[in-house]
Protein backbone atom coordinates (compact mmCIF):
# COMPACT_ATOMS: atom_id res chain seq x y z
CA MET A 1 0.00 0.00 0.00
CA THR A 2 1.41 3.42 -0.92
CA GLY A 3 1.39 6.49 1.30
CA PRO A 4 -1.54 8.05 -0.57
CA GLU A 5 -3.44 4.76 -0.31
CA HIS A 6 -2.88 4.74 3.47
CA TYR A 7 -4.15 8.33 3.57
CA ARG A 8 -7.33 7.43 1.69
CA GLU A 9 -7.93 4.35 3.86
CA ALA A 10 -7.62 6.37 7.08
CA GLU A 11 -9.99 8.93 5.62
CA ARG A 12 -12.46 6.23 4.55
CA LEU A 13 -12.46 4.52 7.95
CA ILE A 14 -13.08 7.74 9.87
CA LYS A 15 -15.70 8.94 7.39
CA GLY A 16 -17.64 5.74 8.09
CA LEU A 17 -17.85 6.71 11.78
CA THR A 18 -18.64 10.39 11.24
CA THR A 19 -22.07 11.97 11.72
CA ASP A 20 -23.57 14.61 9.45
CA THR A 21 -22.28 17.26 11.86
CA GLY A 22 -18.72 15.94 11.69
CA ALA A 23 -18.64 14.23 15.09
CA VAL A 24 -17.06 10.78 15.28
CA TYR A 25 -19.04 7.97 16.89
CA VAL A 26 -17.09 6.40 19.75
CA GLU A 27 -18.95 3.28 20.80
CA ASP A 28 -18.05 -0.29 21.69
CA GLY A 29 -16.31 -1.83 18.70
CA ASN A 30 -15.53 1.49 17.03
CA GLU A 31 -12.30 1.80 18.97
CA GLN A 32 -10.70 -0.82 16.73
CA VAL A 33 -11.74 1.05 13.59
CA ILE A 34 -10.42 4.31 15.02
CA ALA A 35 -7.14 2.61 15.94
CA LEU A 36 -6.82 1.13 12.46
CA ALA A 37 -7.49 4.54 10.92
CA GLN A 38 -4.73 5.97 13.13
CA VAL A 39 -2.29 3.30 11.94
CA HIS A 40 -3.07 4.13 8.30
CA ALA A 41 -2.72 7.87 9.03
CA THR A 42 0.64 7.29 10.72
CA LEU A 43 1.93 5.25 7.79
CA ALA A 44 0.71 7.94 5.39
CA GLN A 45 2.54 10.58 7.45
CA ALA A 46 5.74 8.54 7.37
CA ALA A 47 5.50 8.18 3.59
CA ALA A 48 4.81 11.90 3.12
CA THR A 49 7.69 12.83 5.41
CA ALA A 50 10.04 10.73 3.29
CA LEU A 51 9.40 13.16 0.41
CA ILE A 52 10.61 16.20 2.38
CA ASP A 53 13.67 17.82 0.80
CA GLU A 54 13.09 15.90 -2.39
CA THR A 55 13.11 17.98 -5.52
CA PRO A 56 10.44 17.00 -8.01
CA ARG A 57 12.24 15.11 -10.75
CA SER A 58 10.89 13.16 -13.65
CA ASP A 59 11.59 9.87 -11.81
CA CYS A 60 9.65 10.83 -8.66
CA PHE A 61 7.01 13.23 -9.98
CA SER A 62 4.40 10.48 -9.81
CA ASN A 63 4.84 10.39 -6.00
CA TYR A 64 4.12 14.12 -5.76
CA GLN A 65 1.16 13.81 -8.09
CA ALA A 66 -0.29 10.92 -6.06
CA TRP A 67 -0.13 13.02 -2.88
CA GLN A 68 -1.71 15.99 -4.64
CA ASP A 69 -4.52 13.75 -5.85
CA VAL A 70 -5.44 12.53 -2.35
CA ALA A 71 -4.47 15.41 -0.07
CA GLY A 72 -5.46 18.16 -2.45
CA SER A 73 -9.07 17.04 -2.82
CA GLU A 74 -12.01 15.93 -0.72
CA TYR A 75 -12.54 12.21 -0.14
CA GLN A 76 -14.53 10.44 -2.84
CA GLY A 77 -15.97 7.06 -1.96
CA PRO A 78 -15.70 3.99 -4.17
CA GLY A 79 -17.50 4.52 -7.45
CA GLU A 80 -17.69 8.31 -7.01
CA ALA A 81 -16.12 10.53 -9.66
CA ARG A 82 -12.81 12.12 -8.75
């Protein structure tokens, strides 16, 4: 799983526990989902941090573009247009 994929998975997991007002449900059983989302977010952060001080080059531009695609836009669920 790539960094951007970890980012999207964390976002997807939390979105599934979020109310219309933006509050996150914390109930029995949800703690595991929240913990899993945190693991994905941490792995995404580690991957993003690895790009610091990198200069966009033709051989790594796809990494920058992948991050722009996920972090630069609002979450779209499976089957939704991006």
